[in-house]
Protein backbone atom coordinates (compact mmCIF):
# COMPACT_ATOMS: atom_id res chain seq x y z
CA MET A 1 0.00 0.00 0.00
CA PRO A 2 1.59 3.32 -1.06
CA LEU A 3 2.29 5.94 1.57
CA PRO A 4 -0.10 8.93 1.56
CA ARG A 5 1.21 12.01 -0.13
CA THR A 6 2.25 14.89 2.08
CA ARG A 7 0.60 18.29 1.73
CA GLY A 8 3.60 19.74 -0.12
CA THR A 9 3.85 16.76 -2.48
CA ALA A 10 0.11 16.88 -3.19
CA LEU A 11 0.31 20.61 -3.97
CA ARG A 12 3.24 20.15 -6.36
CA GLN A 13 1.36 17.36 -8.12
CA GLN A 14 -1.74 19.52 -8.41
CA LEU A 15 0.22 22.44 -9.84
CA ALA A 16 1.96 20.11 -12.30
CA GLU A 17 -1.45 18.92 -13.51
CA LEU A 18 -2.53 22.54 -14.01
CA ARG A 19 0.57 23.23 -16.14
CA GLY A 20 -0.14 20.23 -18.30
CA PRO A 21 1.63 16.93 -18.98
CA ASP A 22 5.36 17.21 -19.71
CA VAL A 23 5.31 21.03 -19.35
CA ALA A 24 8.29 22.23 -17.34
CA PRO A 25 7.60 24.97 -14.78
CA LYS A 26 8.74 28.47 -15.62
CA ALA A 27 11.05 29.76 -12.94
CA LEU A 28 10.06 33.01 -11.28
CA ASP A 29 12.49 35.90 -11.62
CA ALA A 30 12.67 39.20 -9.74
CA ARG A 31 10.46 41.02 -12.27
CA ALA A 32 7.72 38.41 -11.96
CA LEU A 33 7.88 38.44 -8.17
CA ALA A 34 7.82 42.25 -8.16
CA ALA A 35 4.76 42.22 -10.40
CA LEU A 36 2.91 40.24 -7.73
CA ALA A 37 3.22 43.25 -5.47
CA ALA A 38 1.87 45.52 -8.20
CA ASN A 39 -1.49 43.69 -8.20
CA PRO A 40 -1.84 41.84 -4.88
CA GLY A 41 -5.54 41.04 -5.33
CA CYS A 42 -5.32 39.01 -8.54
CA ASP A 43 -5.97 35.30 -7.89
CA ARG A 44 -5.30 34.49 -11.55
CA ARG A 45 -1.75 35.77 -11.47
CA ALA A 46 -1.04 34.18 -8.07
CA LEU A 47 -2.18 30.76 -9.29
CA LEU A 48 -0.43 30.87 -12.67
CA ASP A 49 2.85 32.08 -11.17
CA GLY A 50 2.62 29.58 -8.33
CA ALA A 51 2.07 26.77 -10.84
CA GLY A 52 4.97 27.93 -13.00
CA VAL A 53 2.78 28.53 -16.07
CA ASP A 54 4.50 30.39 -18.92
CA LYS A 55 2.04 33.28 -19.22
CA ALA A 56 3.58 34.58 -22.46
CA LYS A 57 2.89 31.29 -24.24
CA LEU A 58 -0.54 31.09 -22.62
CA ALA A 59 -1.40 34.60 -23.82
CA SER A 60 -0.39 33.70 -27.39
CA ALA A 61 -2.51 30.54 -27.26
CA LEU A 62 -5.47 32.65 -26.08
CA GLY A 63 -5.07 34.96 -29.07
CA SER A 64 -3.85 37.94 -27.03
CA PRO A 65 -0.05 37.86 -27.28
CA SER A 66 1.88 40.09 -24.92
CA ALA A 67 4.00 42.98 -26.09
CA PHE A 68 6.77 42.53 -23.54
CA GLY A 69 10.43 42.86 -24.40
CA MET A 70 13.25 45.33 -24.69
CA SER A 71 14.60 46.67 -27.94
CA GLN A 72 18.15 45.75 -28.86
CA PHE A 73 19.14 49.42 -28.71
CA ALA A 74 17.78 49.82 -25.17
CA PHE A 75 19.45 46.58 -24.12
CA MET A 76 22.83 47.70 -25.44
CA ARG A 77 22.45 51.16 -23.92
CA GLY A 78 21.62 49.64 -20.52
CA ASN A 79 24.63 47.32 -20.65
CA ALA A 80 26.94 50.17 -21.64
CA PHE A 81 25.69 52.35 -18.80
CA GLU A 82 26.06 49.56 -16.24
CA ALA A 83 29.61 48.87 -17.43
CA ARG A 84 30.46 52.55 -16.96
CA VAL A 85 29.01 52.59 -13.44
CA LYS A 86 31.04 49.53 -12.44
CA ALA A 87 34.29 50.54 -14.17
CA ASP A 88 37.56 50.74 -12.22
CA GLY A 89 36.50 48.15 -9.69
CA GLY A 90 33.22 49.91 -9.00
CA ALA A 91 34.90 53.07 -7.70
CA GLU A 92 32.11 55.38 -8.88
CA LEU A 93 29.41 53.03 -7.63
CA LEU A 94 31.00 52.79 -4.17
CA ARG A 95 31.35 56.58 -4.10
CA LEU A 96 27.62 56.96 -4.78
CA VAL A 97 26.76 54.43 -2.06
CA HIS A 98 28.96 56.32 0.39
CA GLU A 99 27.50 59.69 -0.58
CA LYS A 100 23.82 58.74 -0.58
CA LEU A 101 23.58 56.04 2.10
CA ASP A 102 26.60 56.04 4.43
CA PRO A 103 28.35 59.45 4.47
CA ARG A 104 29.67 58.94 8.01
CA ALA A 105 31.65 55.85 7.06
CA GLU A 106 35.23 55.94 5.89
CA PRO A 107 35.34 56.99 2.21
CA PRO A 108 35.85 54.01 -0.06
CA GLY A 109 39.18 53.62 -1.71
CA SER A 110 39.71 50.59 -3.88
CA GLY A 111 36.94 48.30 -2.70
CA ALA A 112 37.22 44.54 -2.94
CA VAL A 113 35.37 42.79 -5.80
CA PRO A 114 35.33 39.04 -5.06
CA ASP A 115 35.05 36.46 -7.80
CA LEU A 116 31.55 34.91 -7.74
CA SER A 117 31.91 32.47 -10.62
CA ALA A 118 30.72 28.90 -10.04
CA ILE A 119 28.93 26.10 -11.85
CA GLY A 120 25.17 26.45 -12.07
CA PRO A 121 22.84 28.77 -10.15
CA GLU A 122 23.09 26.65 -6.99
CA GLY A 123 26.88 26.90 -7.06
CA ARG A 124 26.79 30.64 -7.69
CA ALA A 125 24.30 31.15 -4.85
CA ALA A 126 26.56 29.21 -2.47
CA ARG A 127 29.61 31.18 -3.63
CA THR A 128 27.71 34.45 -3.10
CA ALA A 129 26.77 33.45 0.44
CA LEU A 130 30.43 32.72 1.25
CA ALA A 131 31.54 36.04 -0.25
CA LEU A 132 28.95 37.93 1.79
CA ARG A 133 30.08 36.20 4.98
CA ASP A 134 33.76 36.98 4.32
CA ALA A 135 33.04 40.60 3.35
CA THR A 136 30.98 41.14 6.49
CA GLY A 137 33.87 39.99 8.65
CA ALA A 138 36.43 42.05 6.70
CA LYS A 139 34.86 45.38 7.81
CA ALA A 140 35.70 47.04 4.49
CA TRP A 141 33.89 48.26 1.41
CA THR A 142 33.09 45.29 -0.85
CA LEU A 143 31.23 45.21 -4.16
CA LEU A 144 29.53 42.00 -5.28
CA ASP A 145 28.94 42.26 -9.02
CA HIS A 146 25.87 40.30 -10.17
CA PRO A 147 25.62 37.99 -7.16
CA MET A 148 23.22 35.04 -7.23
CA LEU A 149 20.58 34.85 -4.51
CA ALA A 150 18.05 32.11 -3.76
CA LEU A 151 14.56 32.95 -2.48
CA ASP A 152 12.08 30.34 -1.29
CA VAL A 153 8.83 30.71 -3.27
CA ALA A 154 6.04 28.27 -2.41
CA GLY A 155 8.55 25.60 -1.43
CA SER A 156 10.81 26.03 -4.49
CA ALA A 157 13.98 28.06 -4.90
CA ALA A 158 13.82 31.07 -7.22
CA PHE A 159 17.30 32.25 -8.27
CA LEU A 160 17.68 36.02 -8.50
CA GLU A 161 20.53 38.14 -9.81
CA PRO A 162 20.63 41.77 -8.65
CA ASP A 163 22.88 44.24 -10.43
CA ALA A 164 25.08 44.60 -7.36
CA VAL A 165 25.22 44.25 -3.58
CA VAL A 166 27.53 46.45 -1.50
CA VAL A 167 28.85 45.44 1.92
CA HIS A 168 29.59 48.48 4.12
CA PRO A 169 32.48 48.72 6.59
CA ASP A 170 29.99 48.28 9.46
CA GLY A 171 28.90 44.93 7.99
CA THR A 172 25.51 46.05 6.64
CA TRP A 173 24.36 45.10 3.14
CA THR A 174 22.82 47.32 0.43
CA VAL A 175 21.08 46.35 -2.81
CA VAL A 176 22.04 48.42 -5.87
CA GLU A 177 19.69 48.64 -8.85
CA ILE A 178 21.04 50.15 -12.08
CA LYS A 179 18.51 51.42 -14.62
CA SER A 180 18.91 53.16 -17.97
CA PHE A 181 15.99 55.60 -17.62
CA PRO A 182 17.19 59.14 -16.81
CA MET A 183 16.93 61.25 -13.68
CA LEU A 184 15.99 64.75 -14.81
CA ASP A 185 16.85 67.46 -12.27
CA GLY A 186 17.16 64.83 -9.57
CA SER A 187 13.84 63.04 -10.20
CA ALA A 188 12.73 60.20 -12.46
CA ASP A 189 9.49 58.77 -13.82
CA PRO A 190 7.49 57.73 -10.70
CA ALA A 191 6.06 54.63 -12.41
CA LYS A 192 9.54 53.40 -13.36
CA VAL A 193 10.92 54.20 -9.92
CA GLY A 194 8.04 52.26 -8.34
CA ALA A 195 8.76 49.24 -10.52
CA ALA A 196 12.47 49.42 -9.63
CA ALA A 197 11.57 49.67 -5.93
CA ARG A 198 9.37 46.57 -6.09
CA GLN A 199 12.11 44.66 -7.88
CA SER A 200 14.71 45.77 -5.32
CA ALA A 201 12.39 44.69 -2.49
CA VAL A 202 12.54 41.13 -3.86
CA TYR A 203 16.34 41.24 -3.67
CA VAL A 204 16.15 42.57 -0.11
CA LEU A 205 13.98 39.61 0.89
CA ALA A 206 16.43 37.19 -0.71
CA LEU A 207 19.37 38.86 1.06
CA GLU A 208 17.54 38.60 4.37
CA GLU A 209 17.30 34.84 3.91
CA VAL A 210 21.08 34.70 3.38
CA ALA A 211 21.70 36.93 6.40
CA ALA A 212 19.45 34.78 8.61
CA ARG A 213 21.84 31.83 8.12
CA LEU A 214 24.79 33.78 9.57
CA ASP A 215 25.52 34.24 13.27
CA PRO A 216 25.18 37.04 14.12
CA ALA A 217 22.85 37.99 11.27
CA PRO A 218 24.01 41.13 9.42
CA GLU A 219 21.55 43.95 8.78
CA VAL A 220 20.10 44.25 5.27
CA ARG A 221 19.38 47.92 4.65
CA HIS A 222 15.86 48.79 3.54
CA ARG A 223 17.09 51.83 1.64
CA VAL A 224 18.43 50.68 -1.73
CA LEU A 225 20.48 52.71 -4.18
CA LEU A 226 18.89 53.44 -7.56
CA VAL A 227 21.52 54.47 -10.13
CA CYS A 228 20.41 56.16 -13.37
CA PRO A 229 21.89 58.41 -16.09
CA LYS A 230 21.98 62.08 -15.11
CA ASP A 231 19.69 64.24 -17.27
CA PHE A 232 20.41 63.36 -20.92
CA SER A 233 24.03 62.29 -20.43
CA ASN A 234 25.63 58.94 -19.72
CA LEU A 235 26.99 60.13 -16.38
CA PRO A 236 25.67 58.19 -13.38
CA THR A 237 23.67 59.75 -10.59
CA ALA A 238 21.85 58.02 -7.75
CA SER A 239 19.05 58.28 -5.25
CA ALA A 240 18.25 56.35 -2.08
CA VAL A 241 14.86 54.61 -2.21
CA ASP A 242 13.11 53.24 0.87
CA VAL A 243 11.53 49.88 -0.04
CA ARG A 244 10.01 48.88 3.31
CA LYS A 245 6.47 49.19 1.97
CA GLN A 246 7.24 47.21 -1.19
CA ARG A 247 9.07 44.59 0.87
CA ALA A 248 6.06 44.11 3.16
CA VAL A 249 3.65 43.77 0.22
CA THR A 250 5.92 41.31 -1.58
CA ARG A 251 6.36 39.27 1.61
CA ARG A 252 2.58 38.99 1.95
CA GLN A 253 2.27 37.96 -1.67
CA LEU A 254 4.92 35.27 -1.32
CA ASP A 255 3.12 33.93 1.75
CA ARG A 256 -0.08 33.98 -0.28
CA LEU A 257 1.52 31.81 -2.96
CA THR A 258 1.81 29.01 -0.41
CA ARG A 259 -1.99 28.98 -0.29
CA VAL A 260 -2.59 28.61 -4.02
CA GLU A 261 -4.17 25.24 -3.27
CA ASP A 262 -7.19 27.17 -1.97
CA ILE A 263 -7.52 28.92 -5.35
CA ALA A 264 -6.89 25.69 -7.27
CA ALA A 265 -9.49 23.82 -5.22
CA ALA A 266 -12.23 26.08 -6.60
CA LEU A 267 -11.39 25.20 -10.23
CA PRO A 268 -13.55 22.79 -12.24
CA GLU A 269 -12.32 19.23 -12.49
CA GLY A 270 -9.72 18.75 -15.21
CA SER A 271 -8.73 22.43 -15.56
CA CYS A 272 -5.41 22.80 -17.37
CA PHE A 273 -3.40 25.75 -18.69
CA SER A 274 -1.20 23.90 -21.18
CA PRO A 275 -0.62 26.12 -24.26
CA GLY A 276 -1.15 23.08 -26.49
CA LEU A 277 -4.85 22.84 -25.65
CA PRO A 278 -7.56 24.31 -27.93
CA ALA A 279 -8.21 28.01 -27.37
CA GLU A 280 -11.79 27.39 -26.19
CA GLU A 281 -10.62 25.09 -23.40
CA LEU A 282 -7.92 27.53 -22.35
CA VAL A 283 -10.38 30.42 -22.21
CA THR A 284 -12.71 28.35 -20.01
CA ALA A 285 -9.87 27.38 -17.67
CA VAL A 286 -8.46 30.91 -17.42
CA GLU A 287 -11.85 32.52 -16.86
CA ALA A 288 -12.52 30.07 -14.02
CA VAL A 289 -9.86 31.89 -11.97
CA PRO A 290 -10.93 35.37 -10.74
CA ALA A 291 -8.78 38.24 -12.03
CA THR A 292 -8.40 41.83 -10.86
CA TYR A 293 -7.48 43.82 -13.95
CA ALA A 294 -6.16 47.37 -13.78
CA PRO A 295 -4.39 49.50 -16.43
CA GLU A 296 -1.12 49.01 -14.53
CA CYS A 297 -1.22 45.33 -15.52
CA LEU A 298 -0.23 46.30 -19.08
CA SER A 299 3.33 46.91 -17.89
CA ALA A 300 3.54 43.96 -15.51
CA CYS A 301 1.64 40.91 -16.78
CA GLU A 302 1.69 38.94 -20.03
CA LEU A 303 -2.05 38.23 -19.77
CA ALA A 304 -2.96 41.91 -19.53
CA PHE A 305 -4.44 42.19 -23.03
CA HIS A 306 -6.67 39.17 -22.51
CA CYS A 307 -7.85 40.41 -19.11
CA ARG A 308 -8.40 43.93 -20.46
CA ALA A 309 -10.61 42.66 -23.28
CA ARG A 310 -12.69 40.62 -20.81
CA SER A 311 -12.92 43.51 -18.38
CA ARG A 312 -14.12 45.87 -21.10
CA ALA A 313 -16.63 43.33 -22.38
CA GLU A 314 -18.07 43.03 -18.87
CA GLY A 315 -18.13 46.81 -18.46
CA ALA A 316 -16.03 46.66 -15.29
CA VAL A 317 -14.97 50.07 -14.00
CA THR A 318 -11.60 48.65 -12.90
CA SER A 319 -10.55 48.85 -16.55
CA LEU A 320 -10.61 52.64 -16.10
CA GLY A 321 -8.21 52.65 -13.15
CA ARG A 322 -8.04 51.77 -9.47
CA SER A 323 -8.53 55.35 -8.27
CA LEU A 324 -11.81 55.68 -10.17
CA ARG A 325 -12.94 52.27 -8.95
CA ALA A 326 -12.30 53.32 -5.35
CA GLU A 327 -14.33 56.51 -5.73
CA LEU A 328 -17.34 54.73 -7.24
CA GLY A 329 -17.92 52.52 -4.20
CA GLY A 330 -20.59 49.90 -4.88
CA LEU A 331 -20.96 50.84 -8.57
CA THR A 332 -18.87 48.15 -10.22
CA THR A 333 -19.92 48.39 -13.90
CA VAL A 334 -20.16 51.20 -16.42
CA THR A 335 -23.86 50.37 -16.84
CA ASP A 336 -24.42 50.93 -13.12
CA VAL A 337 -22.53 54.22 -13.27
CA LEU A 338 -24.56 55.54 -16.22
CA ALA A 339 -27.84 54.44 -14.63
CA ALA A 340 -26.91 56.23 -11.41
CA ALA A 341 -25.87 59.38 -13.29
CA HIS A 342 -29.16 59.41 -15.25
CA GLY A 343 -31.23 59.00 -12.11
CA LYS A 344 -32.49 55.55 -13.13
CA ALA A 345 -30.84 53.62 -10.30
CA GLY A 346 -28.79 54.07 -7.18
CA ASP A 347 -29.40 55.42 -3.71
CA PRO A 348 -29.53 59.26 -3.72
CA GLU A 349 -27.95 59.22 -0.25
CA ASP A 350 -24.89 57.44 -1.63
CA PRO A 351 -22.09 60.06 -2.00
CA ALA A 352 -20.88 58.46 -5.23
CA VAL A 353 -24.39 58.50 -6.76
CA ALA A 354 -24.96 62.10 -5.65
CA ALA A 355 -21.63 63.19 -7.15
CA LEU A 356 -22.42 61.41 -10.44
CA ARG A 357 -25.79 63.12 -10.76
CA ARG A 358 -24.33 66.51 -9.89
CA ALA A 359 -21.57 66.07 -12.48
CA ALA A 360 -24.06 64.93 -15.15
CA LEU A 361 -26.29 67.94 -14.43
CA LEU A 362 -23.36 70.37 -14.66
CA ARG A 363 -22.27 68.80 -17.92
CA ALA A 364 -25.75 69.10 -19.39
CA GLU A 365 -25.92 72.77 -18.36
CA ALA A 366 -22.49 73.42 -19.87
CA LEU A 367 -23.55 71.80 -23.16
CA ARG A 368 -26.74 73.87 -23.28
CA GLY A 369 -24.81 77.05 -22.57
CA THR A 370 -22.28 76.28 -25.30
CA ALA A 371 -25.02 75.56 -27.82
CA SER A 372 -26.82 78.83 -26.98
CA ALA A 373 -23.67 80.92 -27.28
CA ASN A 374 -22.72 79.37 -30.61
CA PRO A 375 -25.69 78.69 -32.94
CA ARG A 376 -23.45 76.66 -35.23
CA VAL A 377 -22.97 74.03 -32.49
CA ARG A 378 -25.49 71.27 -33.09
CA ARG A 379 -27.32 70.34 -29.90
CA PRO A 380 -27.89 66.64 -29.18
CA ARG A 381 -31.30 65.26 -30.11
CA GLY A 382 -33.25 62.36 -28.72
CA PRO A 383 -33.54 60.89 -25.23
CA GLU A 384 -29.87 61.48 -24.50
CA SER A 385 -30.46 65.26 -24.60
CA SER A 386 -32.27 65.12 -21.25
CA ALA A 387 -31.05 66.82 -18.08
CA ALA A 388 -28.83 63.83 -17.42
CA GLY A 389 -26.59 64.76 -20.34
CA SER A 390 -25.42 62.70 -23.30
CA SER A 391 -25.28 58.89 -23.36
CA VAL A 392 -21.72 58.76 -21.97
CA PRO A 393 -21.16 61.55 -19.44
CA ALA A 394 -17.40 61.95 -19.74
CA ALA A 395 -17.25 64.21 -16.71
CA ALA A 396 -19.64 62.10 -14.62
CA VAL A 397 -17.15 60.91 -12.07
CA PRO A 398 -17.13 61.57 -8.32
CA GLY A 399 -15.14 64.56 -7.17
CA VAL A 400 -15.32 66.49 -10.45
CA ARG A 401 -14.95 70.23 -9.91
CA GLU A 402 -17.38 72.70 -11.46
CA ALA A 403 -14.54 74.51 -13.15
CA THR A 404 -13.47 71.28 -14.81
CA VAL A 405 -16.95 70.58 -16.17
CA CYS A 406 -17.62 74.11 -17.41
CA ARG A 407 -14.18 74.73 -18.87
């Protein structure tokens, strides 16, 4: 009589069945783990990433291929900039770390750059752990160029490779993220900085696992160094970014991945996400897992185009943005919003409904005033010309100012 399967073995078997027969799992990288923090409420992404499904191939099989990827020019420019930052044994990089994060420490001279080469990701991760231990005890500036870190994700090891890790003379560790987007007058694109912060938070978590195995455990700094080109030049500049919030969100998401069996248990019998299946079966399987689409998914998830099309077809207001969805309260579809704005549905005491009706009324008054002032402007005819405004009140959103409507 065979021994009963343990909970972990049963989960791995279940996830393998979801991937499909003979389909190898796709390893999670730092970008994929960071994307989990960008949309923490999406069960679909949590399940597919936990099962190791290749979402790019799945999206192509669904008929909504992703548009991810970096141009060859951008790739070469990024590599050239990183090489410049790390030139001369990382002297400029260590200077930036000292200036932005540790100005009270002894200025770095020629920092040590240990050799991290080894066979395979497991060997490189072990070599990195040894180098971090030795550098911590040396009490000197040390630069680890492209170290390999291992992070436990749902019982499996995900191997991550940050751009650099710096060990300070006091034995603390700092993650360095090098990006090719510019900092103009000391600031960069907030969306790109946020993505870099989420990615760096994943590296911080992985470093904390390495530090926990040392005695005493070194401190992993929660302020990482983001290095970018200065203005429109190729000269490096840097900024310290606090990633405590992103680290906490990513930690919760990783803990949530260990409970993907709860999501998988709600799937119909025989559900499978193998890209080799007919498109109709894949659509049925994918739609059986709840998704939380938002416009931000377009830059973080390979299934974004498929989810956007479904969200628009259902009229979900989340396709218009999370901030708008939060302001609309219990109105979850565009149909509900229009009905509330036209006075056909909704509780008048609801602040969102009251704001919608006020905005629709102001818009209708503005349209009537414009038509009266300019006889050549054709006024709308038919039922949509009522006091509620036209069929799609563009300004009918909560919080709209009168000046905005009447502009």
